[in-house]
N, C-alpha and C. Protein backbone atom coordinates (compact mmCIF):
# COMPACT_ATOMS: atom_id res chain seq x y z
N MET A 1 14.52 -161.58 20.98
CA MET A 1 15.09 -161.10 19.56
C MET A 1 14.10 -160.72 18.64
N ASN A 2 12.96 -160.90 18.82
CA ASN A 2 11.78 -160.61 17.95
C ASN A 2 11.77 -159.08 17.80
N ASN A 3 12.16 -158.23 18.71
CA ASN A 3 12.04 -156.70 18.56
C ASN A 3 13.44 -156.25 17.97
N LEU A 4 14.24 -157.05 17.35
CA LEU A 4 15.59 -156.66 16.82
C LEU A 4 15.51 -156.54 15.34
N HIS A 5 14.33 -156.64 14.73
CA HIS A 5 14.31 -156.45 13.25
C HIS A 5 13.70 -155.20 12.98
N PHE A 6 14.10 -154.49 11.87
CA PHE A 6 13.64 -153.36 11.27
C PHE A 6 12.11 -153.20 10.93
N TYR A 7 11.41 -152.44 11.12
CA TYR A 7 10.00 -152.41 10.94
C TYR A 7 9.67 -151.44 9.73
N THR A 8 8.90 -151.88 8.97
CA THR A 8 8.52 -151.07 7.67
C THR A 8 7.15 -150.59 7.66
N THR A 9 6.43 -150.85 8.75
CA THR A 9 5.11 -150.08 9.13
C THR A 9 5.19 -148.61 9.09
N LEU A 10 4.46 -148.17 8.28
CA LEU A 10 4.14 -146.52 8.14
C LEU A 10 2.82 -146.25 8.76
N GLN A 11 2.65 -145.37 9.95
CA GLN A 11 1.55 -144.92 10.43
C GLN A 11 1.88 -143.51 11.15
N ILE A 12 0.97 -142.52 10.86
CA ILE A 12 1.19 -141.37 11.35
C ILE A 12 0.85 -141.32 12.84
N GLY A 13 1.63 -140.53 13.75
CA GLY A 13 1.16 -140.54 15.22
C GLY A 13 2.07 -139.46 15.94
N TRP A 14 1.62 -139.47 17.23
CA TRP A 14 2.37 -138.47 18.07
C TRP A 14 3.68 -138.94 18.58
N LEU A 15 3.85 -140.24 18.76
CA LEU A 15 5.12 -140.59 19.10
C LEU A 15 5.79 -141.34 18.06
N ASN A 16 6.03 -140.52 16.98
CA ASN A 16 6.96 -140.87 15.85
C ASN A 16 8.28 -140.00 15.89
N ALA A 17 8.96 -140.56 14.74
CA ALA A 17 10.41 -140.09 14.80
C ALA A 17 10.49 -138.54 14.37
N TRP A 18 9.22 -138.06 14.07
CA TRP A 18 9.32 -136.57 13.84
C TRP A 18 9.79 -135.71 15.04
N MET A 19 9.55 -136.14 16.21
CA MET A 19 9.86 -135.56 17.34
C MET A 19 11.25 -135.22 17.49
N PRO A 20 12.24 -136.26 17.40
CA PRO A 20 13.65 -135.88 17.36
C PRO A 20 14.11 -135.26 16.12
N ALA A 21 13.56 -135.67 14.82
CA ALA A 21 14.02 -135.18 13.70
C ALA A 21 13.61 -133.73 13.57
N PHE A 22 12.54 -133.22 14.01
CA PHE A 22 12.01 -131.84 13.79
C PHE A 22 12.80 -131.00 14.88
N ALA A 23 13.26 -131.78 15.94
CA ALA A 23 14.10 -130.91 17.07
C ALA A 23 15.43 -130.52 16.54
N MET A 24 15.96 -131.36 15.77
CA MET A 24 17.32 -131.21 14.96
C MET A 24 17.15 -129.78 14.22
N VAL A 25 16.06 -129.77 13.50
CA VAL A 25 15.99 -128.69 12.52
C VAL A 25 15.58 -127.41 13.37
N LEU A 26 14.61 -127.54 14.19
CA LEU A 26 14.17 -126.34 15.00
C LEU A 26 15.15 -125.71 15.73
N MET A 27 16.08 -126.51 16.31
CA MET A 27 17.10 -125.88 17.12
C MET A 27 17.99 -125.03 16.15
N GLN A 28 18.27 -125.36 15.06
CA GLN A 28 19.14 -124.52 14.07
C GLN A 28 18.21 -123.26 13.91
N PHE A 29 16.92 -123.29 13.51
CA PHE A 29 16.28 -122.08 13.38
C PHE A 29 16.16 -121.05 14.45
N VAL A 30 16.16 -121.74 15.67
CA VAL A 30 16.05 -120.85 17.00
C VAL A 30 17.42 -120.13 16.96
N TYR A 31 18.65 -120.74 16.86
CA TYR A 31 19.88 -120.26 16.87
C TYR A 31 19.97 -119.07 15.91
N MET A 32 19.51 -119.50 14.75
CA MET A 32 19.59 -118.39 13.66
C MET A 32 18.79 -117.18 13.85
N ALA A 33 17.66 -117.23 14.63
CA ALA A 33 16.77 -116.35 14.75
C ALA A 33 17.36 -115.38 16.02
N ILE A 34 18.08 -116.04 17.05
CA ILE A 34 18.79 -115.39 18.10
C ILE A 34 19.98 -114.65 17.72
N TYR A 35 20.81 -115.36 17.02
CA TYR A 35 22.23 -114.83 16.38
C TYR A 35 22.06 -114.60 15.09
N LYS A 36 21.41 -113.36 14.75
CA LYS A 36 21.01 -113.04 13.26
C LYS A 36 22.25 -112.97 12.36
N GLU A 37 23.33 -112.33 12.74
CA GLU A 37 24.57 -112.34 11.89
C GLU A 37 25.16 -113.74 11.66
N GLY A 38 25.27 -114.58 12.62
CA GLY A 38 25.73 -115.95 12.52
C GLY A 38 24.69 -116.71 11.60
N GLY A 39 23.40 -116.57 11.88
CA GLY A 39 22.61 -117.27 11.14
C GLY A 39 22.70 -116.73 9.61
N LYS A 40 22.90 -115.45 9.32
CA LYS A 40 23.29 -115.11 7.83
C LYS A 40 24.33 -115.74 7.29
N ARG A 41 25.42 -115.86 8.15
CA ARG A 41 26.61 -116.58 7.64
C ARG A 41 26.34 -118.03 7.32
N ALA A 42 25.46 -118.63 8.20
CA ALA A 42 25.16 -120.08 8.05
C ALA A 42 24.48 -120.47 6.63
N VAL A 43 23.62 -119.38 6.13
CA VAL A 43 22.91 -119.70 4.99
C VAL A 43 23.49 -118.88 3.85
N ASP A 44 24.62 -118.26 3.89
CA ASP A 44 25.12 -117.69 2.78
C ASP A 44 25.64 -118.68 1.66
N THR A 45 24.95 -118.68 0.57
CA THR A 45 25.51 -119.63 -0.51
C THR A 45 26.11 -118.93 -1.66
N SER A 46 26.36 -117.64 -1.40
CA SER A 46 26.89 -116.59 -2.57
C SER A 46 27.98 -117.39 -3.36
N TRP A 47 28.69 -118.09 -2.64
CA TRP A 47 29.97 -118.45 -3.33
C TRP A 47 29.77 -120.02 -3.93
N TYR A 48 28.45 -120.51 -3.83
CA TYR A 48 28.23 -121.74 -4.45
C TYR A 48 28.44 -121.77 -6.03
N THR A 49 29.13 -122.77 -6.43
CA THR A 49 29.21 -123.18 -7.91
C THR A 49 28.02 -123.87 -8.15
N SER A 50 27.72 -124.06 -9.55
CA SER A 50 26.36 -124.59 -9.89
C SER A 50 26.45 -126.20 -9.47
N LYS A 51 27.64 -126.76 -9.36
CA LYS A 51 27.70 -128.25 -8.73
C LYS A 51 27.20 -128.06 -7.27
N ASP A 52 27.77 -127.07 -6.49
CA ASP A 52 27.52 -126.93 -5.05
C ASP A 52 25.88 -126.68 -4.95
N LYS A 53 25.39 -126.00 -5.78
CA LYS A 53 23.92 -125.63 -5.63
C LYS A 53 23.01 -126.94 -5.94
N LEU A 54 23.54 -127.72 -6.73
CA LEU A 54 22.97 -129.09 -7.04
C LEU A 54 22.91 -130.00 -5.97
N ASN A 55 24.15 -129.95 -5.28
CA ASN A 55 24.44 -130.91 -3.99
C ASN A 55 23.58 -130.44 -2.89
N ALA A 56 23.44 -128.95 -2.72
CA ALA A 56 22.71 -128.34 -1.63
C ALA A 56 21.25 -128.64 -1.85
N THR A 57 20.83 -128.65 -3.07
CA THR A 57 19.35 -128.97 -3.33
C THR A 57 18.99 -130.26 -3.11
N MET A 58 20.03 -131.25 -3.66
CA MET A 58 19.71 -132.71 -3.20
C MET A 58 19.51 -132.93 -1.93
N SER A 59 20.64 -132.48 -0.99
CA SER A 59 20.65 -132.63 0.31
C SER A 59 19.50 -132.19 1.03
N THR A 60 18.92 -130.95 0.52
CA THR A 60 17.75 -130.33 1.30
C THR A 60 16.56 -131.23 1.01
N LEU A 61 16.29 -131.55 -0.36
CA LEU A 61 15.26 -132.47 -0.82
C LEU A 61 15.18 -133.71 0.07
N LEU A 62 16.40 -134.32 0.23
CA LEU A 62 16.42 -135.55 0.98
C LEU A 62 16.04 -135.25 2.42
N GLN A 63 16.74 -134.20 3.12
CA GLN A 63 16.37 -133.84 4.37
C GLN A 63 14.94 -133.76 4.54
N ASN A 64 14.33 -133.14 3.69
CA ASN A 64 12.76 -132.89 3.80
C ASN A 64 12.04 -134.15 3.59
N ALA A 65 12.51 -135.05 2.74
CA ALA A 65 11.90 -136.31 2.69
C ALA A 65 12.10 -137.11 3.88
N LEU A 66 13.14 -137.06 4.58
CA LEU A 66 13.36 -137.61 5.90
C LEU A 66 12.36 -137.14 6.90
N LEU A 67 12.32 -135.80 6.96
CA LEU A 67 11.32 -135.18 7.90
C LEU A 67 9.90 -135.60 7.68
N VAL A 68 9.50 -135.75 6.44
CA VAL A 68 8.27 -136.18 5.97
C VAL A 68 8.08 -137.66 6.51
N LEU A 69 9.06 -138.44 6.22
CA LEU A 69 8.91 -139.78 6.43
C LEU A 69 8.85 -139.98 8.01
N SER A 70 9.50 -139.22 8.70
CA SER A 70 9.61 -139.43 10.19
C SER A 70 8.18 -139.07 10.79
N LEU A 71 7.24 -138.57 10.10
CA LEU A 71 5.93 -138.33 10.66
C LEU A 71 5.24 -139.74 10.64
N PHE A 72 5.55 -140.68 9.99
CA PHE A 72 5.06 -141.96 9.53
C PHE A 72 5.81 -143.04 10.30
N ALA A 73 6.89 -142.86 10.94
CA ALA A 73 7.84 -143.79 11.57
C ALA A 73 7.50 -143.79 13.08
N PRO A 74 6.85 -144.68 13.50
CA PRO A 74 6.77 -144.78 15.10
C PRO A 74 7.84 -145.09 15.75
N LEU A 75 8.18 -144.37 16.94
CA LEU A 75 9.22 -144.69 17.76
C LEU A 75 9.04 -145.98 18.40
N LYS A 76 9.89 -146.86 18.52
CA LYS A 76 9.77 -148.23 19.00
C LYS A 76 10.14 -148.23 20.52
N ILE A 77 9.22 -147.52 21.29
CA ILE A 77 9.47 -147.09 22.82
C ILE A 77 9.39 -148.69 23.47
N GLY A 78 10.23 -148.80 24.27
CA GLY A 78 10.43 -150.30 25.18
C GLY A 78 11.15 -151.20 24.42
N THR A 79 11.89 -150.75 23.30
CA THR A 79 12.67 -151.87 22.74
C THR A 79 14.17 -151.45 22.81
N VAL A 80 15.09 -152.23 22.38
CA VAL A 80 16.49 -151.87 22.40
C VAL A 80 16.78 -150.86 21.26
N TRP A 81 15.91 -150.88 20.05
CA TRP A 81 16.14 -149.87 19.06
C TRP A 81 15.83 -148.69 19.66
N PHE A 82 14.71 -148.52 20.36
CA PHE A 82 14.60 -147.05 20.99
C PHE A 82 15.63 -146.58 21.99
N LEU A 83 16.02 -147.46 22.78
CA LEU A 83 17.04 -147.05 23.82
C LEU A 83 18.41 -146.76 23.08
N THR A 84 18.83 -147.28 22.11
CA THR A 84 20.04 -147.21 21.42
C THR A 84 19.88 -145.92 20.60
N GLY A 85 18.89 -145.88 19.76
CA GLY A 85 18.56 -144.62 19.03
C GLY A 85 18.52 -143.46 19.94
N ALA A 86 17.87 -143.54 21.00
CA ALA A 86 17.60 -142.34 22.06
C ALA A 86 19.03 -141.80 22.36
N VAL A 87 19.83 -142.83 22.77
CA VAL A 87 21.13 -142.42 23.25
C VAL A 87 21.98 -141.79 22.07
N ILE A 88 21.99 -142.27 20.86
CA ILE A 88 22.72 -141.71 19.76
C ILE A 88 22.18 -140.35 19.40
N PHE A 89 20.77 -140.22 19.52
CA PHE A 89 20.09 -138.83 19.15
C PHE A 89 20.59 -137.85 20.08
N VAL A 90 20.46 -138.09 21.47
CA VAL A 90 20.74 -137.17 22.45
C VAL A 90 22.24 -136.75 22.33
N LEU A 91 23.10 -137.58 21.99
CA LEU A 91 24.54 -137.21 21.88
C LEU A 91 24.69 -136.47 20.64
N GLY A 92 24.06 -136.81 19.45
CA GLY A 92 24.00 -135.88 18.18
C GLY A 92 23.49 -134.37 18.64
N PHE A 93 22.29 -134.41 19.21
CA PHE A 93 21.79 -133.19 19.52
C PHE A 93 22.63 -132.24 20.42
N VAL A 94 22.95 -132.95 21.63
CA VAL A 94 23.77 -132.02 22.47
C VAL A 94 25.00 -131.29 21.57
N PHE A 95 25.72 -132.15 20.95
CA PHE A 95 26.89 -131.81 20.20
C PHE A 95 26.49 -130.91 19.03
N LEU A 96 25.46 -131.11 18.43
CA LEU A 96 24.86 -130.10 17.32
C LEU A 96 24.68 -128.87 18.14
N VAL A 97 24.01 -128.85 19.14
CA VAL A 97 23.94 -127.41 19.81
C VAL A 97 25.18 -126.80 20.16
N TYR A 98 26.09 -127.43 20.60
CA TYR A 98 27.45 -126.92 20.96
C TYR A 98 28.08 -126.41 19.68
N ALA A 99 28.12 -127.18 18.73
CA ALA A 99 28.64 -126.87 17.30
C ALA A 99 27.92 -125.61 16.74
N PHE A 100 26.61 -125.58 16.76
CA PHE A 100 26.03 -124.45 16.28
C PHE A 100 26.10 -123.18 16.90
N ARG A 101 26.23 -123.25 18.33
CA ARG A 101 26.51 -122.18 19.24
C ARG A 101 28.02 -121.57 18.78
N SER A 102 28.96 -122.37 18.61
CA SER A 102 30.30 -122.12 18.28
C SER A 102 30.37 -121.35 17.01
N TYR A 103 29.46 -121.94 16.13
CA TYR A 103 29.36 -121.36 14.76
C TYR A 103 28.85 -119.91 14.71
N VAL A 104 27.69 -119.74 15.31
CA VAL A 104 26.98 -118.38 15.29
C VAL A 104 27.65 -117.44 16.04
N THR A 105 28.55 -117.75 17.07
CA THR A 105 29.09 -116.72 17.86
C THR A 105 30.52 -116.40 17.37
N ALA A 106 31.10 -117.19 16.55
CA ALA A 106 32.53 -116.91 15.90
C ALA A 106 32.35 -115.54 15.06
N PRO A 107 33.52 -114.79 15.26
CA PRO A 107 33.74 -113.79 14.24
C PRO A 107 33.62 -114.08 12.79
N LYS A 108 32.80 -113.30 12.19
CA LYS A 108 32.47 -113.47 10.77
C LYS A 108 33.80 -113.42 9.76
N SER A 109 34.70 -112.95 10.24
CA SER A 109 35.96 -112.79 9.20
C SER A 109 36.96 -114.00 9.48
N GLU A 110 36.42 -114.82 10.27
CA GLU A 110 37.49 -116.05 10.67
C GLU A 110 36.71 -117.54 10.37
N TYR A 111 37.47 -118.43 9.93
CA TYR A 111 36.78 -119.81 10.00
C TYR A 111 36.81 -120.10 11.39
N ILE A 112 35.84 -120.97 11.83
CA ILE A 112 35.62 -121.42 13.19
C ILE A 112 36.60 -122.42 13.51
N LYS A 113 37.35 -122.38 14.70
CA LYS A 113 38.21 -123.36 15.13
C LYS A 113 38.03 -123.58 16.72
N ALA A 114 36.88 -123.14 17.28
CA ALA A 114 36.74 -123.35 18.68
C ALA A 114 35.75 -124.25 18.92
N GLY A 115 35.58 -124.72 20.19
CA GLY A 115 34.50 -125.58 20.56
C GLY A 115 34.61 -126.91 19.81
N PRO A 116 33.52 -127.55 19.34
CA PRO A 116 33.93 -129.00 18.67
C PRO A 116 34.57 -128.71 17.24
N TYR A 117 34.79 -127.48 16.85
CA TYR A 117 35.61 -127.30 15.60
C TYR A 117 37.13 -127.71 15.80
N ARG A 118 37.44 -127.95 17.12
CA ARG A 118 38.79 -128.35 17.44
C ARG A 118 38.96 -129.82 17.01
N TRP A 119 38.00 -130.56 17.14
CA TRP A 119 37.96 -132.01 16.98
C TRP A 119 37.39 -132.40 15.44
N SER A 120 36.71 -131.49 14.91
CA SER A 120 36.02 -131.72 13.39
C SER A 120 35.88 -130.42 12.71
N ARG A 121 36.10 -130.46 11.35
CA ARG A 121 36.13 -129.34 10.61
C ARG A 121 34.64 -129.16 10.40
N ASN A 122 33.81 -130.09 10.46
CA ASN A 122 32.31 -129.91 10.15
C ASN A 122 31.48 -130.53 11.16
N PRO A 123 31.45 -130.07 12.35
CA PRO A 123 30.69 -130.83 13.50
C PRO A 123 29.30 -130.58 13.32
N MET A 124 28.77 -129.43 12.64
CA MET A 124 27.37 -129.49 12.44
C MET A 124 26.87 -130.38 11.52
N TYR A 125 27.40 -130.53 10.62
CA TYR A 125 27.02 -131.71 9.46
C TYR A 125 27.23 -133.07 10.19
N PHE A 126 28.22 -133.15 10.78
CA PHE A 126 28.42 -134.67 11.37
C PHE A 126 27.26 -134.79 12.51
N PHE A 127 27.16 -133.96 13.44
CA PHE A 127 26.31 -134.29 14.55
C PHE A 127 24.85 -134.20 14.04
N PHE A 128 24.41 -133.40 13.02
CA PHE A 128 23.11 -133.67 12.62
C PHE A 128 22.95 -134.82 11.97
N THR A 129 23.89 -135.44 11.34
CA THR A 129 23.79 -136.72 10.76
C THR A 129 23.56 -137.70 11.88
N VAL A 130 24.33 -137.65 13.00
CA VAL A 130 24.51 -138.53 13.92
C VAL A 130 23.00 -138.55 14.80
N GLY A 131 22.50 -137.39 14.95
CA GLY A 131 21.09 -137.16 15.51
C GLY A 131 20.17 -137.84 14.60
N MET A 132 20.16 -137.60 13.38
CA MET A 132 19.16 -138.37 12.46
C MET A 132 19.25 -139.83 12.44
N ILE A 133 20.43 -140.21 12.53
CA ILE A 133 20.67 -141.70 12.49
C ILE A 133 20.05 -142.22 13.89
N GLY A 134 20.21 -141.49 14.96
CA GLY A 134 19.53 -141.80 16.06
C GLY A 134 18.12 -141.94 16.13
N ALA A 135 17.52 -141.00 15.31
CA ALA A 135 16.01 -141.17 15.11
C ALA A 135 15.60 -142.30 14.33
N CYS A 136 16.42 -142.70 13.16
CA CYS A 136 16.20 -143.72 12.39
C CYS A 136 16.17 -144.87 13.22
N ILE A 137 17.23 -145.12 14.02
CA ILE A 137 17.33 -146.29 15.04
C ILE A 137 16.11 -146.42 16.08
N ALA A 138 15.86 -145.27 16.72
CA ALA A 138 14.85 -145.28 17.71
C ALA A 138 13.49 -145.73 17.09
N SER A 139 13.19 -145.50 15.90
CA SER A 139 11.93 -145.82 15.07
C SER A 139 12.18 -147.20 14.42
N ALA A 140 13.37 -147.64 14.48
CA ALA A 140 13.73 -148.96 13.83
C ALA A 140 13.05 -148.86 12.23
N SER A 141 13.31 -147.72 11.61
CA SER A 141 12.62 -147.51 10.21
C SER A 141 13.87 -147.91 9.24
N LEU A 142 13.60 -148.81 8.47
CA LEU A 142 14.38 -149.12 7.41
C LEU A 142 14.38 -148.20 6.22
N TRP A 143 13.27 -147.49 6.08
CA TRP A 143 12.98 -146.44 5.10
C TRP A 143 13.94 -145.20 5.37
N MET A 144 13.82 -144.86 6.55
CA MET A 144 14.46 -143.61 6.97
C MET A 144 15.97 -143.95 6.78
N LEU A 145 16.37 -145.13 7.43
CA LEU A 145 17.85 -145.42 7.32
C LEU A 145 18.22 -145.60 5.96
N LEU A 146 17.50 -146.19 4.78
CA LEU A 146 17.97 -146.08 3.62
C LEU A 146 17.98 -144.92 2.96
N LEU A 147 17.03 -143.91 3.33
CA LEU A 147 17.13 -142.44 2.82
C LEU A 147 18.28 -141.71 3.37
N MET A 148 18.72 -142.19 4.56
CA MET A 148 19.95 -141.56 5.00
C MET A 148 21.28 -141.68 4.07
N ILE A 149 21.24 -142.78 3.37
CA ILE A 149 22.56 -142.97 2.63
C ILE A 149 22.63 -141.91 1.58
N PRO A 150 21.62 -141.66 0.73
CA PRO A 150 21.89 -140.55 -0.44
C PRO A 150 22.02 -139.09 0.38
N PHE A 151 21.36 -138.99 1.36
CA PHE A 151 21.54 -137.79 2.38
C PHE A 151 22.80 -137.44 2.63
N VAL A 152 23.47 -138.55 3.29
CA VAL A 152 24.96 -138.48 3.61
C VAL A 152 25.79 -138.16 2.62
N VAL A 153 25.64 -138.82 1.31
CA VAL A 153 26.53 -138.52 0.21
C VAL A 153 26.38 -137.14 -0.27
N PHE A 154 25.33 -136.63 -0.35
CA PHE A 154 25.05 -135.33 -1.02
C PHE A 154 25.52 -134.13 0.12
N THR A 155 25.32 -134.49 1.39
CA THR A 155 25.87 -133.49 2.56
C THR A 155 27.29 -133.64 2.31
N HIS A 156 27.94 -134.71 2.09
CA HIS A 156 29.47 -134.84 2.07
C HIS A 156 29.99 -134.15 0.76
N LEU A 157 29.27 -134.02 -0.27
CA LEU A 157 29.57 -133.29 -1.29
C LEU A 157 29.60 -131.77 -1.04
N ILE A 158 28.50 -131.38 -0.23
CA ILE A 158 28.35 -129.98 0.12
C ILE A 158 29.51 -129.61 1.09
N VAL A 159 29.99 -130.48 2.03
CA VAL A 159 31.30 -130.42 2.71
C VAL A 159 32.39 -129.95 1.89
N LEU A 160 32.61 -130.86 0.91
CA LEU A 160 33.87 -130.81 0.06
C LEU A 160 33.75 -129.28 -0.49
N GLY A 161 32.57 -128.80 -0.98
CA GLY A 161 32.66 -127.45 -1.66
C GLY A 161 32.74 -126.39 -0.44
N GLU A 162 32.36 -126.59 0.65
CA GLU A 162 32.62 -125.77 1.68
C GLU A 162 33.99 -125.56 2.00
N GLU A 163 34.71 -126.67 2.15
CA GLU A 163 36.26 -126.70 2.36
C GLU A 163 37.00 -126.08 1.27
N ARG A 164 36.52 -126.38 0.09
CA ARG A 164 37.13 -125.77 -1.13
C ARG A 164 37.09 -124.20 -0.83
N TYR A 165 36.05 -123.49 -0.57
CA TYR A 165 35.62 -122.26 -0.27
C TYR A 165 36.68 -121.59 0.83
N CYS A 166 36.70 -122.57 1.73
CA CYS A 166 37.49 -122.01 2.90
C CYS A 166 38.99 -122.04 2.60
N GLU A 167 39.51 -122.89 1.87
CA GLU A 167 40.79 -122.80 1.43
C GLU A 167 41.02 -121.56 0.54
N GLN A 168 40.17 -121.30 -0.36
CA GLN A 168 40.24 -119.93 -1.16
C GLN A 168 40.23 -118.73 -0.37
N THR A 169 39.34 -118.72 0.69
CA THR A 169 39.04 -117.59 1.41
C THR A 169 40.17 -117.19 2.58
N TYR A 170 40.74 -118.40 3.21
CA TYR A 170 41.50 -118.18 4.33
C TYR A 170 42.80 -118.75 4.06
N GLY A 171 43.13 -119.32 3.00
CA GLY A 171 44.50 -119.65 2.50
C GLY A 171 45.32 -120.70 3.47
N GLU A 172 46.45 -120.30 3.67
CA GLU A 172 47.42 -121.16 4.31
C GLU A 172 46.82 -121.55 5.73
N SER A 173 46.28 -120.59 6.41
CA SER A 173 45.78 -120.78 7.68
C SER A 173 44.85 -121.85 7.90
N TYR A 174 43.97 -122.02 6.92
CA TYR A 174 42.83 -122.94 6.82
C TYR A 174 43.49 -124.29 6.53
N LEU A 175 44.54 -124.17 5.49
CA LEU A 175 45.29 -125.43 5.16
C LEU A 175 45.87 -126.26 6.34
N ALA A 176 46.59 -125.28 7.24
CA ALA A 176 47.21 -125.80 8.32
C ALA A 176 46.19 -126.53 9.31
N TYR A 177 45.02 -125.73 9.36
CA TYR A 177 44.00 -126.31 10.39
C TYR A 177 43.45 -127.45 9.88
N LYS A 178 43.18 -127.62 8.43
CA LYS A 178 42.77 -128.80 7.84
C LYS A 178 43.67 -130.04 7.96
N LYS A 179 45.06 -129.73 8.06
CA LYS A 179 46.11 -130.75 8.25
C LYS A 179 45.85 -131.51 9.64
N LYS A 180 45.70 -130.66 10.56
CA LYS A 180 45.55 -131.16 12.08
C LYS A 180 44.06 -131.49 12.51
N THR A 181 43.13 -131.29 11.93
CA THR A 181 41.79 -131.44 12.30
C THR A 181 40.99 -132.21 11.21
N PRO A 182 40.49 -133.37 11.62
CA PRO A 182 39.78 -134.37 10.86
C PRO A 182 38.56 -133.64 10.22
N ARG A 183 38.21 -134.25 9.07
CA ARG A 183 36.83 -133.66 8.47
C ARG A 183 35.72 -133.65 9.27
N TYR A 184 35.46 -135.13 10.02
CA TYR A 184 34.25 -135.21 10.55
C TYR A 184 34.36 -135.30 12.05
N LEU A 185 35.33 -136.57 12.43
CA LEU A 185 35.46 -136.48 13.68
C LEU A 185 36.81 -137.73 13.94
N LEU A 186 37.63 -137.34 14.66
CA LEU A 186 38.72 -138.45 15.06
C LEU A 186 39.37 -138.94 13.85
N PHE A 187 38.59 -139.60 12.97
CA PHE A 187 39.26 -140.75 12.06
C PHE A 187 38.98 -140.14 10.61
N PHE A 188 38.07 -139.17 10.30
CA PHE A 188 37.86 -138.87 8.84
C PHE A 188 38.31 -137.41 8.52
């Protein structure tokens, strides 16, 4: 039972949470480099309102803080934390890759409704968050887990803005998709 508590020790090292955390981000950059048009679509913020810009800035700052903190959060290899976190991370990472591939290969003129977009209107955000939570658990880092809370809040606000944009851009078709497809997965 002694290894079931959260650790608050911070030390830089090779076997730290940066490995899974940076993998989540690096995968996205690789896809955007390979699929340039889809990558441009992914980073298009021309429609952002000032509120959307603030939410995106806060989410990005918090994501960067998580990445920096992950440099100092040792993975708890050999513990139930590591095993549980690793399973959650792998699931999040695999489905994030699937979601990103579906996104960057979709026609630019349509909203995406193939692949994991059949089960979730926002699978990239959802599975990125799942993967990062897995990294938090694998390192049993209370600091990272606490930082995930405002990150999730600001990311959710970005999602609300994107859904507003999709409603305005795609109209009734998107509204029908929205009625039958949960925002995040199965229940939200």
